[in-house]
Structures are given as C-alpha cells and as structure tokens.
Amino acid sequence: MGVGKKVLDDVKPYMMMVLLQIGYAGMYIVSVASLKQGMSHLVLVTYRNIVATAIMTPFALIFERNASRCRGRLNQFT
C-alpha cells in the first residue's frame, strides 16, 4: 500500500500538467470556433472570465475557508 501511494505522489504533478494542457487545448478549440463564427473578441473574453469565475469559486470557498482572516489592523504590513 505504501508503494502505490508513493507512485501516485510522484505521478500527480505530471497528471496535473496533462490535464492543464487538455484544458488549454479545449479553450483554444472553442475560441477558434467561436471567433470563426463571428463572435466579438470582447464578448469571448467576457464569457471566458465568467466561466473561469464560476469554476474556481467553489474551490476558493472550500480551500480558503479556514485561512487566516484579515482583522483590519493598521500595523498589519509594518
């Protein structure tokens, strides 16, 4: 059981890079197809940002739930 976990930990960065490249390729295909059909560049950027916000917001809420919160002190950055 320990060997399988070690292998998974070693392979995880490579799997994430492959998934990232698949995401970039998918976005490129969707962008080219929509621009060829006449969509405005500004509309495409707006839709892309809306979709990215909708996808990333649940992860931010889950992973940053217990992060240290700013208490609004004046000497915080000094």
PDB file of N, CA and C in Angstrom:
ATOM      1  N   MET A   1       0.815  -1.184   0.000  1.00  0.00           N
ATOM      2  CA  MET A   1       0.000   0.000   0.000  1.00  0.00           C
ATOM      3  C   MET A   1       0.868   1.260   0.000  1.00  0.00           C
ATOM      4  N   GLY A   2       2.020   1.218   0.656  1.00  0.00           N
ATOM      5  CA  GLY A   2       2.906   2.365   0.704  1.00  0.00           C
ATOM      6  C   GLY A   2       3.538   2.664  -0.642  1.00  0.00           C
ATOM      7  N   VAL A   3       3.803   1.621  -1.431  1.00  0.00           N
ATOM      8  CA  VAL A   3       4.428   1.813  -2.737  1.00  0.00           C
ATOM      9  C   VAL A   3       3.455   2.497  -3.696  1.00  0.00           C
ATOM     10  N   GLY A   4       2.192   2.106  -3.682  1.00  0.00           N
ATOM     11  CA  GLY A   4       1.190   2.709  -4.553  1.00  0.00           C
ATOM     12  C   GLY A   4       0.994   4.185  -4.252  1.00  0.00           C
ATOM     13  N   LYS A   5       1.007   4.543  -2.978  1.00  0.00           N
ATOM     14  CA  LYS A   5       0.852   5.947  -2.600  1.00  0.00           C
ATOM     15  C   LYS A   5       2.050   6.761  -3.048  1.00  0.00           C
ATOM     16  N   LYS A   6       3.250   6.174  -2.929  1.00  0.00           N
ATOM     17  CA  LYS A   6       4.448   6.886  -3.361  1.00  0.00           C
ATOM     18  C   LYS A   6       4.429   7.112  -4.867  1.00  0.00           C
ATOM     19  N   VAL A   7       4.010   6.093  -5.619  1.00  0.00           N
ATOM     20  CA  VAL A   7       3.935   6.233  -7.072  1.00  0.00           C
ATOM     21  C   VAL A   7       2.903   7.295  -7.438  1.00  0.00           C
ATOM     22  N   LEU A   8       1.762   7.295  -6.772  1.00  0.00           N
ATOM     23  CA  LEU A   8       0.729   8.293  -7.053  1.00  0.00           C
ATOM     24  C   LEU A   8       1.232   9.694  -6.730  1.00  0.00           C
ATOM     25  N   ASP A   9       1.953   9.851  -5.625  1.00  0.00           N
ATOM     26  CA  ASP A   9       2.508  11.157  -5.285  1.00  0.00           C
ATOM     27  C   ASP A   9       3.552  11.608  -6.299  1.00  0.00           C
ATOM     28  N   ASP A  10       4.317  10.657  -6.856  1.00  0.00           N
ATOM     29  CA  ASP A  10       5.318  11.014  -7.852  1.00  0.00           C
ATOM     30  C   ASP A  10       4.698  11.382  -9.197  1.00  0.00           C
ATOM     31  N   VAL A  11       3.579  10.764  -9.537  1.00  0.00           N
ATOM     32  CA  VAL A  11       2.954  10.962 -10.844  1.00  0.00           C
ATOM     33  C   VAL A  11       1.981  12.141 -10.837  1.00  0.00           C
ATOM     34  N   LYS A  12       1.527  12.568  -9.680  1.00  0.00           N
ATOM     35  CA  LYS A  12       0.491  13.603  -9.579  1.00  0.00           C
ATOM     36  C   LYS A  12       0.849  14.909 -10.307  1.00  0.00           C
ATOM     37  N   PRO A  13       2.078  15.442 -10.192  1.00  0.00           N
ATOM     38  CA  PRO A  13       2.373  16.677 -10.939  1.00  0.00           C
ATOM     39  C   PRO A  13       2.274  16.499 -12.452  1.00  0.00           C
ATOM     40  N   TYR A  14       2.687  15.341 -12.954  1.00  0.00           N
ATOM     41  CA  TYR A  14       2.615  15.086 -14.384  1.00  0.00           C
ATOM     42  C   TYR A  14       1.168  14.952 -14.850  1.00  0.00           C
ATOM     43  N   MET A  15       0.341  14.323 -14.036  1.00  0.00           N
ATOM     44  CA  MET A  15      -1.076  14.208 -14.383  1.00  0.00           C
ATOM     45  C   MET A  15      -1.733  15.579 -14.419  1.00  0.00           C
ATOM     46  N   MET A  16      -1.376  16.432 -13.471  1.00  0.00           N
ATOM     47  CA  MET A  16      -1.956  17.770 -13.446  1.00  0.00           C
ATOM     48  C   MET A  16      -1.517  18.588 -14.657  1.00  0.00           C
ATOM     49  N   MET A  17      -0.267  18.440 -15.083  1.00  0.00           N
ATOM     50  CA  MET A  17       0.192  19.157 -16.273  1.00  0.00           C
ATOM     51  C   MET A  17      -0.525  18.675 -17.528  1.00  0.00           C
ATOM     52  N   VAL A  18      -0.764  17.370 -17.625  1.00  0.00           N
ATOM     53  CA  VAL A  18      -1.506  16.842 -18.777  1.00  0.00           C
ATOM     54  C   VAL A  18      -2.933  17.388 -18.776  1.00  0.00           C
ATOM     55  N   LEU A  19      -3.579  17.417 -17.615  1.00  0.00           N
ATOM     56  CA  LEU A  19      -4.934  17.970 -17.529  1.00  0.00           C
ATOM     57  C   LEU A  19      -4.948  19.458 -17.869  1.00  0.00           C
ATOM     58  N   LEU A  20      -3.919  20.182 -17.451  1.00  0.00           N
ATOM     59  CA  LEU A  20      -3.828  21.600 -17.775  1.00  0.00           C
ATOM     60  C   LEU A  20      -3.686  21.808 -19.279  1.00  0.00           C
ATOM     61  N   GLN A  21      -2.867  21.005 -19.923  1.00  0.00           N
ATOM     62  CA  GLN A  21      -2.692  21.120 -21.371  1.00  0.00           C
ATOM     63  C   GLN A  21      -3.981  20.755 -22.115  1.00  0.00           C
ATOM     64  N   ILE A  22      -4.725  19.778 -21.608  1.00  0.00           N
ATOM     65  CA  ILE A  22      -6.017  19.433 -22.210  1.00  0.00           C
ATOM     66  C   ILE A  22      -6.988  20.606 -22.082  1.00  0.00           C
ATOM     67  N   GLY A  23      -6.961  21.272 -20.932  1.00  0.00           N
ATOM     68  CA  GLY A  23      -7.807  22.447 -20.740  1.00  0.00           C
ATOM     69  C   GLY A  23      -7.436  23.579 -21.684  1.00  0.00           C
ATOM     70  N   TYR A  24      -6.126  23.821 -21.866  1.00  0.00           N
ATOM     71  CA  TYR A  24      -5.689  24.850 -22.809  1.00  0.00           C
ATOM     72  C   TYR A  24      -6.106  24.505 -24.237  1.00  0.00           C
ATOM     73  N   ALA A  25      -5.955  23.241 -24.616  1.00  0.00           N
ATOM     74  CA  ALA A  25      -6.327  22.831 -25.965  1.00  0.00           C
ATOM     75  C   ALA A  25      -7.832  22.985 -26.183  1.00  0.00           C
ATOM     76  N   GLY A  26      -8.630  22.614 -25.189  1.00  0.00           N
ATOM     77  CA  GLY A  26     -10.076  22.776 -25.301  1.00  0.00           C
ATOM     78  C   GLY A  26     -10.476  24.230 -25.424  1.00  0.00           C
ATOM     79  N   MET A  27      -9.829  25.090 -24.650  1.00  0.00           N
ATOM     80  CA  MET A  27     -10.143  26.516 -24.732  1.00  0.00           C
ATOM     81  C   MET A  27      -9.743  27.077 -26.092  1.00  0.00           C
ATOM     82  N   TYR A  28      -8.625  26.624 -26.628  1.00  0.00           N
ATOM     83  CA  TYR A  28      -8.190  27.087 -27.948  1.00  0.00           C
ATOM     84  C   TYR A  28      -9.186  26.674 -29.022  1.00  0.00           C
ATOM     85  N   ILE A  29      -9.647  25.439 -28.960  1.00  0.00           N
ATOM     86  CA  ILE A  29     -10.599  24.946 -29.963  1.00  0.00           C
ATOM     87  C   ILE A  29     -11.904  25.727 -29.885  1.00  0.00           C
ATOM     88  N   VAL A  30     -12.395  25.950 -28.689  1.00  0.00           N
ATOM     89  CA  VAL A  30     -13.644  26.705 -28.522  1.00  0.00           C
ATOM     90  C   VAL A  30     -13.452  28.147 -28.977  1.00  0.00           C
ATOM     91  N   SER A  31     -12.311  28.746 -28.664  1.00  0.00           N
ATOM     92  CA  SER A  31     -12.052  30.134 -29.064  1.00  0.00           C
ATOM     93  C   SER A  31     -12.005  30.278 -30.572  1.00  0.00           C
ATOM     94  N   VAL A  32     -11.259  29.402 -31.235  1.00  0.00           N
ATOM     95  CA  VAL A  32     -11.147  29.495 -32.695  1.00  0.00           C
ATOM     96  C   VAL A  32     -12.498  29.277 -33.355  1.00  0.00           C
ATOM     97  N   ALA A  33     -13.248  28.296 -32.873  1.00  0.00           N
ATOM     98  CA  ALA A  33     -14.551  28.015 -33.475  1.00  0.00           C
ATOM     99  C   ALA A  33     -15.514  29.183 -33.293  1.00  0.00           C
ATOM    100  N   SER A  34     -15.518  29.770 -32.117  1.00  0.00           N
ATOM    101  CA  SER A  34     -16.457  30.876 -31.882  1.00  0.00           C
ATOM    102  C   SER A  34     -16.031  32.142 -32.616  1.00  0.00           C
ATOM    103  N   LEU A  35     -14.732  32.392 -32.734  1.00  0.00           N
ATOM    104  CA  LEU A  35     -14.292  33.573 -33.471  1.00  0.00           C
ATOM    105  C   LEU A  35     -14.548  33.417 -34.971  1.00  0.00           C
ATOM    106  N   LYS A  36     -14.436  32.211 -35.489  1.00  0.00           N
ATOM    107  CA  LYS A  36     -14.723  31.991 -36.913  1.00  0.00           C
ATOM    108  C   LYS A  36     -16.199  32.175 -37.221  1.00  0.00           C
ATOM    109  N   GLN A  37     -17.056  31.975 -36.235  1.00  0.00           N
ATOM    110  CA  GLN A  37     -18.489  32.171 -36.460  1.00  0.00           C
ATOM    111  C   GLN A  37     -18.901  33.624 -36.267  1.00  0.00           C
ATOM    112  N   GLY A  38     -17.949  34.485 -35.899  1.00  0.00           N
ATOM    113  CA  GLY A  38     -18.246  35.910 -35.838  1.00  0.00           C
ATOM    114  C   GLY A  38     -18.405  36.497 -34.455  1.00  0.00           C
ATOM    115  N   MET A  39     -18.034  35.780 -33.410  1.00  0.00           N
ATOM    116  CA  MET A  39     -18.150  36.336 -32.061  1.00  0.00           C
ATOM    117  C   MET A  39     -17.096  37.417 -31.856  1.00  0.00           C
ATOM    118  N   SER A  40     -17.450  38.458 -31.168  1.00  0.00           N
ATOM    119  CA  SER A  40     -16.525  39.542 -30.862  1.00  0.00           C
ATOM    120  C   SER A  40     -15.459  39.069 -29.874  1.00  0.00           C
ATOM    121  N   HIS A  41     -14.259  39.633 -30.016  1.00  0.00           N
ATOM    122  CA  HIS A  41     -13.174  39.285 -29.095  1.00  0.00           C
ATOM    123  C   HIS A  41     -13.537  39.653 -27.650  1.00  0.00           C
ATOM    124  N   LEU A  42     -14.163  40.808 -27.491  1.00  0.00           N
ATOM    125  CA  LEU A  42     -14.512  41.264 -26.141  1.00  0.00           C
ATOM    126  C   LEU A  42     -15.564  40.366 -25.496  1.00  0.00           C
ATOM    127  N   VAL A  43     -16.506  39.907 -26.283  1.00  0.00           N
ATOM    128  CA  VAL A  43     -17.536  39.005 -25.753  1.00  0.00           C
ATOM    129  C   VAL A  43     -16.908  37.677 -25.354  1.00  0.00           C
ATOM    130  N   LEU A  44     -15.981  37.177 -26.174  1.00  0.00           N
ATOM    131  CA  LEU A  44     -15.306  35.919 -25.866  1.00  0.00           C
ATOM    132  C   LEU A  44     -14.522  36.025 -24.561  1.00  0.00           C
ATOM    133  N   VAL A  45     -13.811  37.123 -24.371  1.00  0.00           N
ATOM    134  CA  VAL A  45     -13.052  37.311 -23.134  1.00  0.00           C
ATOM    135  C   VAL A  45     -13.980  37.395 -21.933  1.00  0.00           C
ATOM    136  N   THR A  46     -15.105  38.081 -22.109  1.00  0.00           N
ATOM    137  CA  THR A  46     -16.066  38.198 -21.015  1.00  0.00           C
ATOM    138  C   THR A  46     -16.644  36.838 -20.645  1.00  0.00           C
ATOM    139  N   TYR A  47     -17.050  36.059 -21.624  1.00  0.00           N
ATOM    140  CA  TYR A  47     -17.581  34.720 -21.346  1.00  0.00           C
ATOM    141  C   TYR A  47     -16.524  33.825 -20.704  1.00  0.00           C
ATOM    142  N   ARG A  48     -15.283  33.923 -21.184  1.00  0.00           N
ATOM    143  CA  ARG A  48     -14.219  33.095 -20.635  1.00  0.00           C
ATOM    144  C   ARG A  48     -13.979  33.433 -19.161  1.00  0.00           C
ATOM    145  N   ASN A  49     -14.002  34.715 -18.833  1.00  0.00           N
ATOM    146  CA  ASN A  49     -13.813  35.114 -17.437  1.00  0.00           C
ATOM    147  C   ASN A  49     -14.988  34.702 -16.558  1.00  0.00           C
ATOM    148  N   ILE A  50     -16.194  34.757 -17.086  1.00  0.00           N
ATOM    149  CA  ILE A  50     -17.369  34.332 -16.317  1.00  0.00           C
ATOM    150  C   ILE A  50     -17.298  32.833 -16.035  1.00  0.00           C
ATOM    151  N   VAL A  51     -16.932  32.051 -17.035  1.00  0.00           N
ATOM    152  CA  VAL A  51     -16.822  30.603 -16.843  1.00  0.00           C
ATOM    153  C   VAL A  51     -15.702  30.282 -15.862  1.00  0.00           C
ATOM    154  N   ALA A  52     -14.571  30.958 -15.970  1.00  0.00           N
ATOM    155  CA  ALA A  52     -13.460  30.712 -15.046  1.00  0.00           C
ATOM    156  C   ALA A  52     -13.853  31.057 -13.611  1.00  0.00           C
ATOM    157  N   THR A  53     -14.593  32.143 -13.433  1.00  0.00           N
ATOM    158  CA  THR A  53     -15.048  32.516 -12.092  1.00  0.00           C
ATOM    159  C   THR A  53     -16.004  31.477 -11.536  1.00  0.00           C
ATOM    160  N   ALA A  54     -16.912  31.000 -12.374  1.00  0.00           N
ATOM    161  CA  ALA A  54     -17.884  30.003 -11.919  1.00  0.00           C
ATOM    162  C   ALA A  54     -17.202  28.681 -11.559  1.00  0.00           C
ATOM    163  N   ILE A  55     -16.136  28.335 -12.261  1.00  0.00           N
ATOM    164  CA  ILE A  55     -15.432  27.084 -11.968  1.00  0.00           C
ATOM    165  C   ILE A  55     -14.547  27.219 -10.741  1.00  0.00           C
ATOM    166  N   MET A  56     -13.899  28.362 -10.557  1.00  0.00           N
ATOM    167  CA  MET A  56     -12.921  28.499  -9.477  1.00  0.00           C
ATOM    168  C   MET A  56     -13.531  28.911  -8.141  1.00  0.00           C
ATOM    169  N   THR A  57     -14.700  29.524  -8.142  1.00  0.00           N
ATOM    170  CA  THR A  57     -15.303  29.989  -6.896  1.00  0.00           C
ATOM    171  C   THR A  57     -15.555  28.874  -5.884  1.00  0.00           C
ATOM    172  N   PRO A  58     -16.107  27.725  -6.261  1.00  0.00           N
ATOM    173  CA  PRO A  58     -16.300  26.671  -5.251  1.00  0.00           C
ATOM    174  C   PRO A  58     -14.985  26.182  -4.638  1.00  0.00           C
ATOM    175  N   PHE A  59     -13.933  26.080  -5.456  1.00  0.00           N
ATOM    176  CA  PHE A  59     -12.638  25.661  -4.923  1.00  0.00           C
ATOM    177  C   PHE A  59     -12.085  26.695  -3.950  1.00  0.00           C
ATOM    178  N   ALA A  60     -12.228  27.973  -4.278  1.00  0.00           N
ATOM    179  CA  ALA A  60     -11.754  29.022  -3.385  1.00  0.00           C
ATOM    180  C   ALA A  60     -12.518  29.010  -2.065  1.00  0.00           C
ATOM    181  N   LEU A  61     -13.825  28.792  -2.132  1.00  0.00           N
ATOM    182  CA  LEU A  61     -14.629  28.757  -0.907  1.00  0.00           C
ATOM    183  C   LEU A  61     -14.270  27.554  -0.033  1.00  0.00           C
ATOM    184  N   ILE A  62     -13.973  26.430  -0.658  1.00  0.00           N
ATOM    185  CA  ILE A  62     -13.648  25.224   0.105  1.00  0.00           C
ATOM    186  C   ILE A  62     -12.254  25.306   0.707  1.00  0.00           C
ATOM    187  N   PHE A  63     -11.257  25.656  -0.132  1.00  0.00           N
ATOM    188  CA  PHE A  63      -9.871  25.598   0.321  1.00  0.00           C
ATOM    189  C   PHE A  63      -9.464  26.796   1.170  1.00  0.00           C
ATOM    190  N   GLU A  64     -10.127  27.925   1.031  1.00  0.00           N
ATOM    191  CA  GLU A  64      -9.768  29.114   1.801  1.00  0.00           C
ATOM    192  C   GLU A  64     -10.706  29.352   2.978  1.00  0.00           C
ATOM    193  N   ARG A  65     -11.511  28.367   3.307  1.00  0.00           N
ATOM    194  CA  ARG A  65     -12.479  28.518   4.386  1.00  0.00           C
ATOM    195  C   ARG A  65     -11.794  28.800   5.720  1.00  0.00           C
ATOM    196  N   ASN A  66     -10.725  28.081   6.001  1.00  0.00           N
ATOM    197  CA  ASN A  66     -10.061  28.216   7.293  1.00  0.00           C
ATOM    198  C   ASN A  66      -8.800  29.058   7.227  1.00  0.00           C
ATOM    199  N   ALA A  67      -8.602  29.822   6.174  1.00  0.00           N
ATOM    200  CA  ALA A  67      -7.420  30.667   6.062  1.00  0.00           C
ATOM    201  C   ALA A  67      -7.515  31.800   7.081  1.00  0.00           C
ATOM    202  N   SER A  68      -6.368  32.307   7.446  1.00  0.00           N
ATOM    203  CA  SER A  68      -6.364  33.397   8.412  1.00  0.00           C
ATOM    204  C   SER A  68      -7.057  34.608   7.802  1.00  0.00           C
ATOM    205  N   ARG A  69      -7.888  35.222   8.596  1.00  0.00           N
ATOM    206  CA  ARG A  69      -8.665  36.349   8.106  1.00  0.00           C
ATOM    207  C   ARG A  69      -8.015  37.662   8.540  1.00  0.00           C
ATOM    208  N   CYS A  70      -8.164  38.641   7.696  1.00  0.00           N
ATOM    209  CA  CYS A  70      -7.624  39.968   7.990  1.00  0.00           C
ATOM    210  C   CYS A  70      -8.496  40.614   9.067  1.00  0.00           C
ATOM    211  N   ARG A  71      -7.858  41.097  10.103  1.00  0.00           N
ATOM    212  CA  ARG A  71      -8.608  41.713  11.195  1.00  0.00           C
ATOM    213  C   ARG A  71      -8.646  43.236  11.084  1.00  0.00           C
ATOM    214  N   GLY A  72      -8.044  43.769  10.025  1.00  0.00           N
ATOM    215  CA  GLY A  72      -8.142  45.201   9.797  1.00  0.00           C
ATOM    216  C   GLY A  72      -7.239  46.027  10.696  1.00  0.00           C
ATOM    217  N   ARG A  73      -6.120  45.484  11.121  1.00  0.00           N
ATOM    218  CA  ARG A  73      -5.208  46.255  11.962  1.00  0.00           C
ATOM    219  C   ARG A  73      -4.414  47.222  11.092  1.00  0.00           C
ATOM    220  N   LEU A  74      -4.101  48.375  11.632  1.00  0.00           N
ATOM    221  CA  LEU A  74      -3.329  49.355  10.882  1.00  0.00           C
ATOM    222  C   LEU A  74      -1.863  48.943  10.753  1.00  0.00           C
ATOM    223  N   ASN A  75      -1.321  48.255  11.737  1.00  0.00           N
ATOM    224  CA  ASN A  75       0.099  47.894  11.705  1.00  0.00           C
ATOM    225  C   ASN A  75       0.316  46.506  11.090  1.00  0.00           C
ATOM    226  N   GLN A  76      -0.567  46.064  10.298  1.00  0.00           N
ATOM    227  CA  GLN A  76      -0.506  44.723   9.736  1.00  0.00           C
ATOM    228  C   GLN A  76       0.663  44.540   8.781  1.00  0.00           C
ATOM    229  N   PHE A  77       0.987  45.563   8.014  1.00  0.00           N
ATOM    230  CA  PHE A  77       2.026  45.449   6.998  1.00  0.00           C
ATOM    231  C   PHE A  77       3.334  46.086   7.431  1.00  0.00           C
ATOM    232  N   THR A  78       3.445  46.501   8.646  1.00  0.00           N
ATOM    233  CA  THR A  78       4.702  47.121   9.099  1.00  0.00           C
ATOM    234  C   THR A  78       5.457  46.211  10.013  1.00  0.00           C
TER     235      THR A  78
END
